[in-house]
Amino acid sequence: MKFIKLSPNVFYADIKIGLKLFVECLEFTISYDDLNSSNPFCVIEKDGLGLHLIQNKEFADKDRPEIRLETNNIEEVYNSVTKKFPELLHPNSKNISIKPWRAKEFALKDESDVCIIIQQWEF
């Protein structure tokens, strides 16, 4: 058995909040766009990763995900985020730090409480 991709759904009461975090800040691209429908939805991708952003208030109220993105250059990501979107830095993890599990990390949090942890392993 082989899988080639994992594409989780992330629900928003207002999909524009997700577009700011993922497309504007983290530079994902929209590969499928149904944003102007009565049920806004899009598929976003970057570097072989994919997510479905879905506007659905009921599901957004039930689930605020925490997602980890691994990188080989955390400083580059951090510098890009802090220059363009410092307001998205998570108040509890707004600087790069080395965690007890030996990973460098910092985190982002949008106004709907979706959390993205940016991580680089040290070993």
PDB file of N, CA and C in Angstrom:
ATOM      1  N   MET A   1       0.845  -1.179   0.000  1.00  0.00           N
ATOM      2  CA  MET A   1       0.000   0.000   0.000  1.00  0.00           C
ATOM      3  C   MET A   1       0.883   1.232   0.000  1.00  0.00           C
ATOM      4  N   LYS A   2       0.554   2.177  -0.853  1.00  0.00           N
ATOM      5  CA  LYS A   2       1.340   3.401  -0.952  1.00  0.00           C
ATOM      6  C   LYS A   2       0.415   4.609  -1.015  1.00  0.00           C
ATOM      7  N   PHE A   3       0.742   5.621  -0.236  1.00  0.00           N
ATOM      8  CA  PHE A   3       0.023   6.890  -0.280  1.00  0.00           C
ATOM      9  C   PHE A   3       0.974   7.942  -0.821  1.00  0.00           C
ATOM     10  N   ILE A   4       0.450   8.900  -1.550  1.00  0.00           N
ATOM     11  CA  ILE A   4       1.336   9.905  -2.137  1.00  0.00           C
ATOM     12  C   ILE A   4       1.125  11.306  -1.581  1.00  0.00           C
ATOM     13  N   LYS A   5       0.039  11.524  -0.828  1.00  0.00           N
ATOM     14  CA  LYS A   5      -0.212  12.865  -0.326  1.00  0.00           C
ATOM     15  C   LYS A   5      -1.264  12.809   0.772  1.00  0.00           C
ATOM     16  N   LEU A   6      -1.140  13.701   1.743  1.00  0.00           N
ATOM     17  CA  LEU A   6      -2.138  13.893   2.782  1.00  0.00           C
ATOM     18  C   LEU A   6      -2.659  15.311   2.634  1.00  0.00           C
ATOM     19  N   SER A   7      -3.969  15.467   2.489  1.00  0.00           N
ATOM     20  CA  SER A   7      -4.559  16.793   2.262  1.00  0.00           C
ATOM     21  C   SER A   7      -5.675  17.040   3.265  1.00  0.00           C
ATOM     22  N   PRO A   8      -5.337  17.547   4.434  1.00  0.00           N
ATOM     23  CA  PRO A   8      -6.368  17.777   5.449  1.00  0.00           C
ATOM     24  C   PRO A   8      -7.292  18.936   5.089  1.00  0.00           C
ATOM     25  N   ASN A   9      -8.479  18.904   5.671  1.00  0.00           N
ATOM     26  CA  ASN A   9      -9.438  19.998   5.566  1.00  0.00           C
ATOM     27  C   ASN A   9      -9.228  20.937   6.738  1.00  0.00           C
ATOM     28  N   VAL A  10      -9.203  22.234   6.468  1.00  0.00           N
ATOM     29  CA  VAL A  10      -9.160  23.251   7.517  1.00  0.00           C
ATOM     30  C   VAL A  10     -10.376  24.137   7.309  1.00  0.00           C
ATOM     31  N   PHE A  11     -11.223  24.191   8.331  1.00  0.00           N
ATOM     32  CA  PHE A  11     -12.491  24.913   8.240  1.00  0.00           C
ATOM     33  C   PHE A  11     -12.363  26.304   8.848  1.00  0.00           C
ATOM     34  N   TYR A  12     -12.998  27.251   8.197  1.00  0.00           N
ATOM     35  CA  TYR A  12     -13.014  28.646   8.646  1.00  0.00           C
ATOM     36  C   TYR A  12     -14.432  29.185   8.597  1.00  0.00           C
ATOM     37  N   ALA A  13     -14.787  30.018   9.568  1.00  0.00           N
ATOM     38  CA  ALA A  13     -16.038  30.766   9.475  1.00  0.00           C
ATOM     39  C   ALA A  13     -15.916  31.806   8.366  1.00  0.00           C
ATOM     40  N   ASP A  14     -14.699  32.344   8.182  1.00  0.00           N
ATOM     41  CA  ASP A  14     -14.386  33.288   7.103  1.00  0.00           C
ATOM     42  C   ASP A  14     -13.113  32.806   6.426  1.00  0.00           C
ATOM     43  N   ILE A  15     -13.233  32.265   5.250  1.00  0.00           N
ATOM     44  CA  ILE A  15     -12.103  31.659   4.542  1.00  0.00           C
ATOM     45  C   ILE A  15     -10.971  32.660   4.265  1.00  0.00           C
ATOM     46  N   LYS A  16     -11.290  33.952   4.266  1.00  0.00           N
ATOM     47  CA  LYS A  16     -10.262  34.974   4.032  1.00  0.00           C
ATOM     48  C   LYS A  16      -9.171  34.927   5.094  1.00  0.00           C
ATOM     49  N   ILE A  17      -9.519  34.516   6.305  1.00  0.00           N
ATOM     50  CA  ILE A  17      -8.524  34.387   7.380  1.00  0.00           C
ATOM     51  C   ILE A  17      -7.523  33.294   7.027  1.00  0.00           C
ATOM     52  N   GLY A  18      -7.996  32.180   6.506  1.00  0.00           N
ATOM     53  CA  GLY A  18      -7.116  31.095   6.081  1.00  0.00           C
ATOM     54  C   GLY A  18      -6.258  31.471   4.888  1.00  0.00           C
ATOM     55  N   LEU A  19      -6.829  32.225   3.963  1.00  0.00           N
ATOM     56  CA  LEU A  19      -6.058  32.668   2.797  1.00  0.00           C
ATOM     57  C   LEU A  19      -4.921  33.597   3.218  1.00  0.00           C
ATOM     58  N   LYS A  20      -5.166  34.442   4.212  1.00  0.00           N
ATOM     59  CA  LYS A  20      -4.098  35.327   4.692  1.00  0.00           C
ATOM     60  C   LYS A  20      -2.955  34.502   5.280  1.00  0.00           C
ATOM     61  N   LEU A  21      -3.282  33.520   6.123  1.00  0.00           N
ATOM     62  CA  LEU A  21      -2.254  32.703   6.771  1.00  0.00           C
ATOM     63  C   LEU A  21      -1.495  31.836   5.770  1.00  0.00           C
ATOM     64  N   PHE A  22      -2.219  31.074   4.986  1.00  0.00           N
ATOM     65  CA  PHE A  22      -1.568  30.084   4.129  1.00  0.00           C
ATOM     66  C   PHE A  22      -1.052  30.654   2.807  1.00  0.00           C
ATOM     67  N   VAL A  23      -1.848  31.489   2.137  1.00  0.00           N
ATOM     68  CA  VAL A  23      -1.464  31.981   0.807  1.00  0.00           C
ATOM     69  C   VAL A  23      -0.579  33.221   0.909  1.00  0.00           C
ATOM     70  N   GLU A  24      -1.026  34.216   1.665  1.00  0.00           N
ATOM     71  CA  GLU A  24      -0.237  35.450   1.753  1.00  0.00           C
ATOM     72  C   GLU A  24       1.012  35.273   2.608  1.00  0.00           C
ATOM     73  N   CYS A  25       0.875  34.682   3.777  1.00  0.00           N
ATOM     74  CA  CYS A  25       2.001  34.583   4.704  1.00  0.00           C
ATOM     75  C   CYS A  25       2.947  33.436   4.342  1.00  0.00           C
ATOM     76  N   LEU A  26       2.410  32.212   4.190  1.00  0.00           N
ATOM     77  CA  LEU A  26       3.261  31.038   3.961  1.00  0.00           C
ATOM     78  C   LEU A  26       3.469  30.724   2.481  1.00  0.00           C
ATOM     79  N   GLU A  27       2.887  31.508   1.606  1.00  0.00           N
ATOM     80  CA  GLU A  27       3.115  31.451   0.162  1.00  0.00           C
ATOM     81  C   GLU A  27       2.672  30.149  -0.501  1.00  0.00           C
ATOM     82  N   PHE A  28       1.593  29.559   0.015  1.00  0.00           N
ATOM     83  CA  PHE A  28       0.956  28.462  -0.707  1.00  0.00           C
ATOM     84  C   PHE A  28       0.261  29.075  -1.923  1.00  0.00           C
ATOM     85  N   THR A  29       0.021  28.271  -2.943  1.00  0.00           N
ATOM     86  CA  THR A  29      -0.709  28.747  -4.119  1.00  0.00           C
ATOM     87  C   THR A  29      -2.065  28.047  -4.188  1.00  0.00           C
ATOM     88  N   ILE A  30      -3.009  28.729  -4.764  1.00  0.00           N
ATOM     89  CA  ILE A  30      -4.346  28.152  -4.936  1.00  0.00           C
ATOM     90  C   ILE A  30      -4.340  27.336  -6.225  1.00  0.00           C
ATOM     91  N   SER A  31      -4.573  26.025  -6.091  1.00  0.00           N
ATOM     92  CA  SER A  31      -4.595  25.178  -7.283  1.00  0.00           C
ATOM     93  C   SER A  31      -6.021  24.858  -7.736  1.00  0.00           C
ATOM     94  N   TYR A  32      -6.977  25.032  -6.858  1.00  0.00           N
ATOM     95  CA  TYR A  32      -8.392  24.922  -7.232  1.00  0.00           C
ATOM     96  C   TYR A  32      -9.140  26.011  -6.475  1.00  0.00           C
ATOM     97  N   ASP A  33      -9.976  26.748  -7.183  1.00  0.00           N
ATOM     98  CA  ASP A  33     -10.629  27.929  -6.617  1.00  0.00           C
ATOM     99  C   ASP A  33     -12.134  27.855  -6.825  1.00  0.00           C
ATOM    100  N   ASP A  34     -12.854  27.720  -5.722  1.00  0.00           N
ATOM    101  CA  ASP A  34     -14.310  27.822  -5.739  1.00  0.00           C
ATOM    102  C   ASP A  34     -14.703  28.825  -4.655  1.00  0.00           C
ATOM    103  N   LEU A  35     -13.959  29.921  -4.596  1.00  0.00           N
ATOM    104  CA  LEU A  35     -14.103  30.903  -3.520  1.00  0.00           C
ATOM    105  C   LEU A  35     -15.339  31.784  -3.667  1.00  0.00           C
ATOM    106  N   ASN A  36     -15.864  31.904  -4.866  1.00  0.00           N
ATOM    107  CA  ASN A  36     -17.010  32.784  -5.079  1.00  0.00           C
ATOM    108  C   ASN A  36     -18.344  32.048  -5.069  1.00  0.00           C
ATOM    109  N   SER A  37     -18.334  30.805  -4.630  1.00  0.00           N
ATOM    110  CA  SER A  37     -19.582  30.045  -4.560  1.00  0.00           C
ATOM    111  C   SER A  37     -20.292  30.328  -3.231  1.00  0.00           C
ATOM    112  N   SER A  38     -21.456  29.746  -3.064  1.00  0.00           N
ATOM    113  CA  SER A  38     -22.186  29.922  -1.802  1.00  0.00           C
ATOM    114  C   SER A  38     -21.523  29.144  -0.661  1.00  0.00           C
ATOM    115  N   ASN A  39     -20.654  28.181  -0.999  1.00  0.00           N
ATOM    116  CA  ASN A  39     -19.871  27.423  -0.016  1.00  0.00           C
ATOM    117  C   ASN A  39     -18.397  27.531  -0.398  1.00  0.00           C
ATOM    118  N   PRO A  40     -17.746  28.651  -0.087  1.00  0.00           N
ATOM    119  CA  PRO A  40     -16.369  28.871  -0.527  1.00  0.00           C
ATOM    120  C   PRO A  40     -15.423  27.750  -0.115  1.00  0.00           C
ATOM    121  N   PHE A  41     -14.561  27.391  -1.059  1.00  0.00           N
ATOM    122  CA  PHE A  41     -13.643  26.268  -0.903  1.00  0.00           C
ATOM    123  C   PHE A  41     -12.477  26.485  -1.846  1.00  0.00           C
ATOM    124  N   CYS A  42     -11.294  26.064  -1.429  1.00  0.00           N
ATOM    125  CA  CYS A  42     -10.163  26.048  -2.353  1.00  0.00           C
ATOM    126  C   CYS A  42      -9.162  24.989  -1.917  1.00  0.00           C
ATOM    127  N   VAL A  43      -8.347  24.577  -2.858  1.00  0.00           N
ATOM    128  CA  VAL A  43      -7.231  23.674  -2.593  1.00  0.00           C
ATOM    129  C   VAL A  43      -5.977  24.512  -2.717  1.00  0.00           C
ATOM    130  N   ILE A  44      -5.100  24.415  -1.724  1.00  0.00           N
ATOM    131  CA  ILE A  44      -3.845  25.163  -1.762  1.00  0.00           C
ATOM    132  C   ILE A  44      -2.696  24.171  -1.705  1.00  0.00           C
ATOM    133  N   GLU A  45      -1.561  24.545  -2.327  1.00  0.00           N
ATOM    134  CA  GLU A  45      -0.425  23.641  -2.397  1.00  0.00           C
ATOM    135  C   GLU A  45       0.887  24.413  -2.340  1.00  0.00           C
ATOM    136  N   LYS A  46       1.893  23.710  -1.841  1.00  0.00           N
ATOM    137  CA  LYS A  46       3.258  24.245  -1.845  1.00  0.00           C
ATOM    138  C   LYS A  46       4.207  23.090  -1.575  1.00  0.00           C
ATOM    139  N   ASP A  47       5.205  22.946  -2.412  1.00  0.00           N
ATOM    140  CA  ASP A  47       6.270  21.959  -2.206  1.00  0.00           C
ATOM    141  C   ASP A  47       5.734  20.548  -1.974  1.00  0.00           C
ATOM    142  N   GLY A  48       4.686  20.160  -2.693  1.00  0.00           N
ATOM    143  CA  GLY A  48       4.127  18.822  -2.557  1.00  0.00           C
ATOM    144  C   GLY A  48       3.154  18.662  -1.397  1.00  0.00           C
ATOM    145  N   LEU A  49       2.926  19.720  -0.637  1.00  0.00           N
ATOM    146  CA  LEU A  49       1.960  19.693   0.464  1.00  0.00           C
ATOM    147  C   LEU A  49       0.646  20.265  -0.020  1.00  0.00           C
ATOM    148  N   GLY A  50      -0.448  19.782   0.520  1.00  0.00           N
ATOM    149  CA  GLY A  50      -1.744  20.302   0.115  1.00  0.00           C
ATOM    150  C   GLY A  50      -2.710  20.396   1.277  1.00  0.00           C
ATOM    151  N   LEU A  51      -3.606  21.351   1.186  1.00  0.00           N
ATOM    152  CA  LEU A  51      -4.666  21.555   2.170  1.00  0.00           C
ATOM    153  C   LEU A  51      -5.928  21.965   1.443  1.00  0.00           C
ATOM    154  N   HIS A  52      -7.059  21.641   2.041  1.00  0.00           N
ATOM    155  CA  HIS A  52      -8.340  22.137   1.560  1.00  0.00           C
ATOM    156  C   HIS A  52      -8.815  23.172   2.562  1.00  0.00           C
ATOM    157  N   LEU A  53      -9.040  24.389   2.129  1.00  0.00           N
ATOM    158  CA  LEU A  53      -9.615  25.428   2.972  1.00  0.00           C
ATOM    159  C   LEU A  53     -11.101  25.496   2.648  1.00  0.00           C
ATOM    160  N   ILE A  54     -11.924  25.399   3.692  1.00  0.00           N
ATOM    161  CA  ILE A  54     -13.366  25.317   3.501  1.00  0.00           C
ATOM    162  C   ILE A  54     -14.042  26.312   4.430  1.00  0.00           C
ATOM    163  N   GLN A  55     -14.932  27.108   3.870  1.00  0.00           N
ATOM    164  CA  GLN A  55     -15.698  28.025   4.710  1.00  0.00           C
ATOM    165  C   GLN A  55     -16.946  27.305   5.204  1.00  0.00           C
ATOM    166  N   ASN A  56     -16.963  27.027   6.510  1.00  0.00           N
ATOM    167  CA  ASN A  56     -18.092  26.366   7.139  1.00  0.00           C
ATOM    168  C   ASN A  56     -18.034  26.700   8.625  1.00  0.00           C
ATOM    169  N   LYS A  57     -18.854  27.622   9.060  1.00  0.00           N
ATOM    170  CA  LYS A  57     -18.808  28.109  10.442  1.00  0.00           C
ATOM    171  C   LYS A  57     -19.056  26.996  11.457  1.00  0.00           C
ATOM    172  N   GLU A  58     -20.009  26.137  11.170  1.00  0.00           N
ATOM    173  CA  GLU A  58     -20.327  25.056  12.118  1.00  0.00           C
ATOM    174  C   GLU A  58     -19.096  24.181  12.383  1.00  0.00           C
ATOM    175  N   PHE A  59     -18.419  23.742  11.337  1.00  0.00           N
ATOM    176  CA  PHE A  59     -17.241  22.897  11.523  1.00  0.00           C
ATOM    177  C   PHE A  59     -16.063  23.685  12.079  1.00  0.00           C
ATOM    178  N   ALA A  60     -15.939  24.946  11.692  1.00  0.00           N
ATOM    179  CA  ALA A  60     -14.860  25.792  12.226  1.00  0.00           C
ATOM    180  C   ALA A  60     -15.009  25.965  13.734  1.00  0.00           C
ATOM    181  N   ASP A  61     -16.233  26.100  14.203  1.00  0.00           N
ATOM    182  CA  ASP A  61     -16.465  26.244  15.642  1.00  0.00           C
ATOM    183  C   ASP A  61     -16.100  24.975  16.406  1.00  0.00           C
ATOM    184  N   LYS A  62     -16.148  23.833  15.745  1.00  0.00           N
ATOM    185  CA  LYS A  62     -15.876  22.547  16.400  1.00  0.00           C
ATOM    186  C   LYS A  62     -14.404  22.154  16.376  1.00  0.00           C
ATOM    187  N   ASP A  63     -13.628  22.686  15.447  1.00  0.00           N
ATOM    188  CA  ASP A  63     -12.268  22.182  15.265  1.00  0.00           C
ATOM    189  C   ASP A  63     -11.304  23.300  14.900  1.00  0.00           C
ATOM    190  N   ARG A  64     -10.322  23.553  15.749  1.00  0.00           N
ATOM    191  CA  ARG A  64      -9.258  24.511  15.473  1.00  0.00           C
ATOM    192  C   ARG A  64      -7.955  23.722  15.438  1.00  0.00           C
ATOM    193  N   PRO A  65      -7.490  23.368  14.252  1.00  0.00           N
ATOM    194  CA  PRO A  65      -6.339  22.469  14.149  1.00  0.00           C
ATOM    195  C   PRO A  65      -5.012  23.118  14.517  1.00  0.00           C
ATOM    196  N   GLU A  66      -4.082  22.250  14.878  1.00  0.00           N
ATOM    197  CA  GLU A  66      -2.681  22.615  15.055  1.00  0.00           C
ATOM    198  C   GLU A  66      -1.911  21.779  14.042  1.00  0.00           C
ATOM    199  N   ILE A  67      -1.204  22.441  13.152  1.00  0.00           N
ATOM    200  CA  ILE A  67      -0.499  21.772  12.055  1.00  0.00           C
ATOM    201  C   ILE A  67       0.988  22.072  12.172  1.00  0.00           C
ATOM    202  N   ARG A  68       1.824  21.075  11.952  1.00  0.00           N
ATOM    203  CA  ARG A  68       3.277  21.265  11.948  1.00  0.00           C
ATOM    204  C   ARG A  68       3.783  21.255  10.509  1.00  0.00           C
ATOM    205  N   LEU A  69       4.609  22.232  10.185  1.00  0.00           N
ATOM    206  CA  LEU A  69       5.292  22.277   8.892  1.00  0.00           C
ATOM    207  C   LEU A  69       6.782  22.176   9.168  1.00  0.00           C
ATOM    208  N   GLU A  70       7.412  21.165   8.621  1.00  0.00           N
ATOM    209  CA  GLU A  70       8.856  21.003   8.780  1.00  0.00           C
ATOM    210  C   GLU A  70       9.583  21.706   7.647  1.00  0.00           C
ATOM    211  N   THR A  71      10.722  22.280   7.982  1.00  0.00           N
ATOM    212  CA  THR A  71      11.546  22.987   7.011  1.00  0.00           C
ATOM    213  C   THR A  71      13.012  22.646   7.263  1.00  0.00           C
ATOM    214  N   ASN A  72      13.837  22.928   6.278  1.00  0.00           N
ATOM    215  CA  ASN A  72      15.293  22.794   6.437  1.00  0.00           C
ATOM    216  C   ASN A  72      15.952  24.140   6.701  1.00  0.00           C
ATOM    217  N   ASN A  73      15.145  25.215   6.700  1.00  0.00           N
ATOM    218  CA  ASN A  73      15.703  26.547   6.913  1.00  0.00           C
ATOM    219  C   ASN A  73      14.697  27.404   7.688  1.00  0.00           C
ATOM    220  N   ILE A  74      14.612  27.144   8.981  1.00  0.00           N
ATOM    221  CA  ILE A  74      13.625  27.824   9.815  1.00  0.00           C
ATOM    222  C   ILE A  74      13.878  29.328   9.895  1.00  0.00           C
ATOM    223  N   GLU A  75      15.141  29.727   9.845  1.00  0.00           N
ATOM    224  CA  GLU A  75      15.463  31.159   9.910  1.00  0.00           C
ATOM    225  C   GLU A  75      14.892  31.905   8.703  1.00  0.00           C
ATOM    226  N   GLU A  76      14.950  31.286   7.530  1.00  0.00           N
ATOM    227  CA  GLU A  76      14.400  31.917   6.327  1.00  0.00           C
ATOM    228  C   GLU A  76      12.885  32.116   6.461  1.00  0.00           C
ATOM    229  N   VAL A  77      12.200  31.092   6.946  1.00  0.00           N
ATOM    230  CA  VAL A  77      10.752  31.193   7.134  1.00  0.00           C
ATOM    231  C   VAL A  77      10.445  32.259   8.186  1.00  0.00           C
ATOM    232  N   TYR A  78      11.156  32.221   9.299  1.00  0.00           N
ATOM    233  CA  TYR A  78      10.938  33.173  10.386  1.00  0.00           C
ATOM    234  C   TYR A  78      11.157  34.610   9.911  1.00  0.00           C
ATOM    235  N   ASN A  79      12.240  34.848   9.188  1.00  0.00           N
ATOM    236  CA  ASN A  79      12.522  36.197   8.699  1.00  0.00           C
ATOM    237  C   ASN A  79      11.435  36.681   7.740  1.00  0.00           C
ATOM    238  N   SER A  80      10.942  35.808   6.884  1.00  0.00           N
ATOM    239  CA  SER A  80       9.880  36.179   5.956  1.00  0.00           C
ATOM    240  C   SER A  80       8.597  36.534   6.711  1.00  0.00           C
ATOM    241  N   VAL A  81       8.240  35.712   7.673  1.00  0.00           N
ATOM    242  CA  VAL A  81       7.005  35.949   8.438  1.00  0.00           C
ATOM    243  C   VAL A  81       7.112  37.226   9.261  1.00  0.00           C
ATOM    244  N   THR A  82       8.231  37.419   9.951  1.00  0.00           N
ATOM    245  CA  THR A  82       8.347  38.587  10.832  1.00  0.00           C
ATOM    246  C   THR A  82       8.379  39.896  10.051  1.00  0.00           C
ATOM    247  N   LYS A  83       8.873  39.875   8.821  1.00  0.00           N
ATOM    248  CA  LYS A  83       8.885  41.089   8.002  1.00  0.00           C
ATOM    249  C   LYS A  83       7.494  41.440   7.478  1.00  0.00           C
ATOM    250  N   LYS A  84       6.733  40.416   7.063  1.00  0.00           N
ATOM    251  CA  LYS A  84       5.457  40.661   6.399  1.00  0.00           C
ATOM    252  C   LYS A  84       4.239  40.536   7.310  1.00  0.00           C
ATOM    253  N   PHE A  85       4.277  39.592   8.248  1.00  0.00           N
ATOM    254  CA  PHE A  85       3.088  39.279   9.042  1.00  0.00           C
ATOM    255  C   PHE A  85       3.430  39.036  10.513  1.00  0.00           C
ATOM    256  N   PRO A  86       4.066  39.988  11.182  1.00  0.00           N
ATOM    257  CA  PRO A  86       4.421  39.766  12.587  1.00  0.00           C
ATOM    258  C   PRO A  86       3.192  39.558  13.478  1.00  0.00           C
ATOM    259  N   GLU A  87       2.050  40.050  13.059  1.00  0.00           N
ATOM    260  CA  GLU A  87       0.834  39.881  13.848  1.00  0.00           C
ATOM    261  C   GLU A  87       0.358  38.431  13.899  1.00  0.00           C
ATOM    262  N   LEU A  88       0.893  37.586  13.008  1.00  0.00           N
ATOM    263  CA  LEU A  88       0.520  36.174  13.002  1.00  0.00           C
ATOM    264  C   LEU A  88       1.402  35.313  13.901  1.00  0.00           C
ATOM    265  N   LEU A  89       2.453  35.885  14.483  1.00  0.00           N
ATOM    266  CA  LEU A  89       3.294  35.109  15.401  1.00  0.00           C
ATOM    267  C   LEU A  89       2.493  34.743  16.648  1.00  0.00           C
ATOM    268  N   HIS A  90       2.572  33.492  17.040  1.00  0.00           N
ATOM    269  CA  HIS A  90       1.840  33.010  18.209  1.00  0.00           C
ATOM    270  C   HIS A  90       2.418  33.666  19.462  1.00  0.00           C
ATOM    271  N   PRO A  91       1.594  34.220  20.339  1.00  0.00           N
ATOM    272  CA  PRO A  91       2.124  34.918  21.516  1.00  0.00           C
ATOM    273  C   PRO A  91       2.935  34.027  22.454  1.00  0.00           C
ATOM    274  N   ASN A  92       2.702  32.717  22.433  1.00  0.00           N
ATOM    275  CA  ASN A  92       3.452  31.807  23.305  1.00  0.00           C
ATOM    276  C   ASN A  92       4.676  31.194  22.635  1.00  0.00           C
ATOM    277  N   SER A  93       4.878  31.491  21.352  1.00  0.00           N
ATOM    278  CA  SER A  93       6.013  30.899  20.636  1.00  0.00           C
ATOM    279  C   SER A  93       6.404  31.797  19.470  1.00  0.00           C
ATOM    280  N   LYS A  94       6.651  33.079  19.772  1.00  0.00           N
ATOM    281  CA  LYS A  94       6.893  34.050  18.702  1.00  0.00           C
ATOM    282  C   LYS A  94       8.354  34.146  18.299  1.00  0.00           C
ATOM    283  N   ASN A  95       9.230  33.422  18.984  1.00  0.00           N
ATOM    284  CA  ASN A  95      10.649  33.386  18.630  1.00  0.00           C
ATOM    285  C   ASN A  95      11.079  31.946  18.398  1.00  0.00           C
ATOM    286  N   ILE A  96      12.105  31.769  17.596  1.00  0.00           N
ATOM    287  CA  ILE A  96      12.645  30.428  17.388  1.00  0.00           C
ATOM    288  C   ILE A  96      13.292  29.974  18.690  1.00  0.00           C
ATOM    289  N   SER A  97      12.937  28.776  19.116  1.00  0.00           N
ATOM    290  CA  SER A  97      13.572  28.201  20.304  1.00  0.00           C
ATOM    291  C   SER A  97      13.790  26.706  20.075  1.00  0.00           C
ATOM    292  N   ILE A  98      14.733  26.155  20.802  1.00  0.00           N
ATOM    293  CA  ILE A  98      14.996  24.723  20.724  1.00  0.00           C
ATOM    294  C   ILE A  98      14.193  24.042  21.826  1.00  0.00           C
ATOM    295  N   LYS A  99      13.350  23.127  21.422  1.00  0.00           N
ATOM    296  CA  LYS A  99      12.465  22.418  22.347  1.00  0.00           C
ATOM    297  C   LYS A  99      13.193  21.222  22.963  1.00  0.00           C
ATOM    298  N   PRO A 100      12.685  20.676  24.062  1.00  0.00           N
ATOM    299  CA  PRO A 100      13.326  19.523  24.696  1.00  0.00           C
ATOM    300  C   PRO A 100      13.491  18.321  23.766  1.00  0.00           C
ATOM    301  N   TRP A 101      12.664  18.227  22.737  1.00  0.00           N
ATOM    302  CA  TRP A 101      12.761  17.122  21.776  1.00  0.00           C
ATOM    303  C   TRP A 101      13.728  17.426  20.638  1.00  0.00           C
ATOM    304  N   ARG A 102      14.537  18.490  20.824  1.00  0.00           N
ATOM    305  CA  ARG A 102      15.651  18.875  19.946  1.00  0.00           C
ATOM    306  C   ARG A 102      15.213  19.425  18.583  1.00  0.00           C
ATOM    307  N   ALA A 103      14.078  20.023  18.526  1.00  0.00           N
ATOM    308  CA  ALA A 103      13.628  20.678  17.295  1.00  0.00           C
ATOM    309  C   ALA A 103      13.596  22.177  17.533  1.00  0.00           C
ATOM    310  N   LYS A 104      14.038  22.928  16.525  1.00  0.00           N
ATOM    311  CA  LYS A 104      13.843  24.377  16.545  1.00  0.00           C
ATOM    312  C   LYS A 104      12.400  24.630  16.124  1.00  0.00           C
ATOM    313  N   GLU A 105      11.729  25.545  16.839  1.00  0.00           N
ATOM    314  CA  GLU A 105      10.338  25.811  16.518  1.00  0.00           C
ATOM    315  C   GLU A 105       9.956  27.258  16.788  1.00  0.00           C
ATOM    316  N   PHE A 106       8.986  27.734  16.034  1.00  0.00           N
ATOM    317  CA  PHE A 106       8.206  28.915  16.365  1.00  0.00           C
ATOM    318  C   PHE A 106       6.813  28.647  15.819  1.00  0.00           C
ATOM    319  N   ALA A 107       5.840  29.475  16.193  1.00  0.00           N
ATOM    320  CA  ALA A 107       4.471  29.173  15.797  1.00  0.00           C
ATOM    321  C   ALA A 107       3.742  30.411  15.296  1.00  0.00           C
ATOM    322  N   LEU A 108       2.725  30.137  14.487  1.00  0.00           N
ATOM    323  CA  LEU A 108       1.820  31.150  13.969  1.00  0.00           C
ATOM    324  C   LEU A 108       0.420  30.831  14.457  1.00  0.00           C
ATOM    325  N   LYS A 109      -0.388  31.855  14.616  1.00  0.00           N
ATOM    326  CA  LYS A 109      -1.779  31.665  15.020  1.00  0.00           C
ATOM    327  C   LYS A 109      -2.609  32.749  14.350  1.00  0.00           C
ATOM    328  N   ASP A 110      -3.633  32.328  13.613  1.00  0.00           N
ATOM    329  CA  ASP A 110      -4.474  33.338  12.982  1.00  0.00           C
ATOM    330  C   ASP A 110      -5.603  33.747  13.922  1.00  0.00           C
ATOM    331  N   GLU A 111      -6.392  34.693  13.503  1.00  0.00           N
ATOM    332  CA  GLU A 111      -7.421  35.238  14.392  1.00  0.00           C
ATOM    333  C   GLU A 111      -8.541  34.255  14.685  1.00  0.00           C
ATOM    334  N   SER A 112      -8.584  33.124  13.981  1.00  0.00           N
ATOM    335  CA  SER A 112      -9.585  32.095  14.272  1.00  0.00           C
ATOM    336  C   SER A 112      -8.996  30.953  15.109  1.00  0.00           C
ATOM    337  N   ASP A 113      -7.755  31.119  15.544  1.00  0.00           N
ATOM    338  CA  ASP A 113      -7.038  30.163  16.403  1.00  0.00           C
ATOM    339  C   ASP A 113      -6.514  28.924  15.692  1.00  0.00           C
ATOM    340  N   VAL A 114      -6.392  28.948  14.376  1.00  0.00           N
ATOM    341  CA  VAL A 114      -5.652  27.896  13.689  1.00  0.00           C
ATOM    342  C   VAL A 114      -4.178  28.137  14.001  1.00  0.00           C
ATOM    343  N   CYS A 115      -3.482  27.090  14.408  1.00  0.00           N
ATOM    344  CA  CYS A 115      -2.082  27.207  14.817  1.00  0.00           C
ATOM    345  C   CYS A 115      -1.192  26.417  13.858  1.00  0.00           C
ATOM    346  N   ILE A 116      -0.131  27.060  13.392  1.00  0.00           N
ATOM    347  CA  ILE A 116       0.864  26.411  12.541  1.00  0.00           C
ATOM    348  C   ILE A 116       2.196  26.468  13.282  1.00  0.00           C
ATOM    349  N   ILE A 117       2.777  25.305  13.548  1.00  0.00           N
ATOM    350  CA  ILE A 117       4.095  25.241  14.170  1.00  0.00           C
ATOM    351  C   ILE A 117       5.106  25.006  13.060  1.00  0.00           C
ATOM    352  N   ILE A 118       6.069  25.885  12.964  1.00  0.00           N
ATOM    353  CA  ILE A 118       7.155  25.740  11.993  1.00  0.00           C
ATOM    354  C   ILE A 118       8.299  25.063  12.740  1.00  0.00           C
ATOM    355  N   GLN A 119       8.836  23.991  12.168  1.00  0.00           N
ATOM    356  CA  GLN A 119       9.772  23.150  12.888  1.00  0.00           C
ATOM    357  C   GLN A 119      10.954  22.743  12.015  1.00  0.00           C
ATOM    358  N   GLN A 120      12.126  22.705  12.632  1.00  0.00           N
ATOM    359  CA  GLN A 120      13.334  22.175  11.981  1.00  0.00           C
ATOM    360  C   GLN A 120      14.031  21.275  12.975  1.00  0.00           C
ATOM    361  N   TRP A 121      14.219  20.036  12.593  1.00  0.00           N
ATOM    362  CA  TRP A 121      14.889  19.083  13.486  1.00  0.00           C
ATOM    363  C   TRP A 121      16.378  19.362  13.518  1.00  0.00           C
ATOM    364  N   GLU A 122      16.974  19.188  14.682  1.00  0.00           N
ATOM    365  CA  GLU A 122      18.377  19.482  14.902  1.00  0.00           C
ATOM    366  C   GLU A 122      19.301  18.301  14.647  1.00  0.00           C
ATOM    367  N   PHE A 123      18.776  17.106  14.616  1.00  0.00           N
ATOM    368  CA  PHE A 123      19.658  15.941  14.463  1.00  0.00           C
ATOM    369  C   PHE A 123      19.792  15.538  13.020  1.00  0.00           C
TER     370      PHE A 123
END
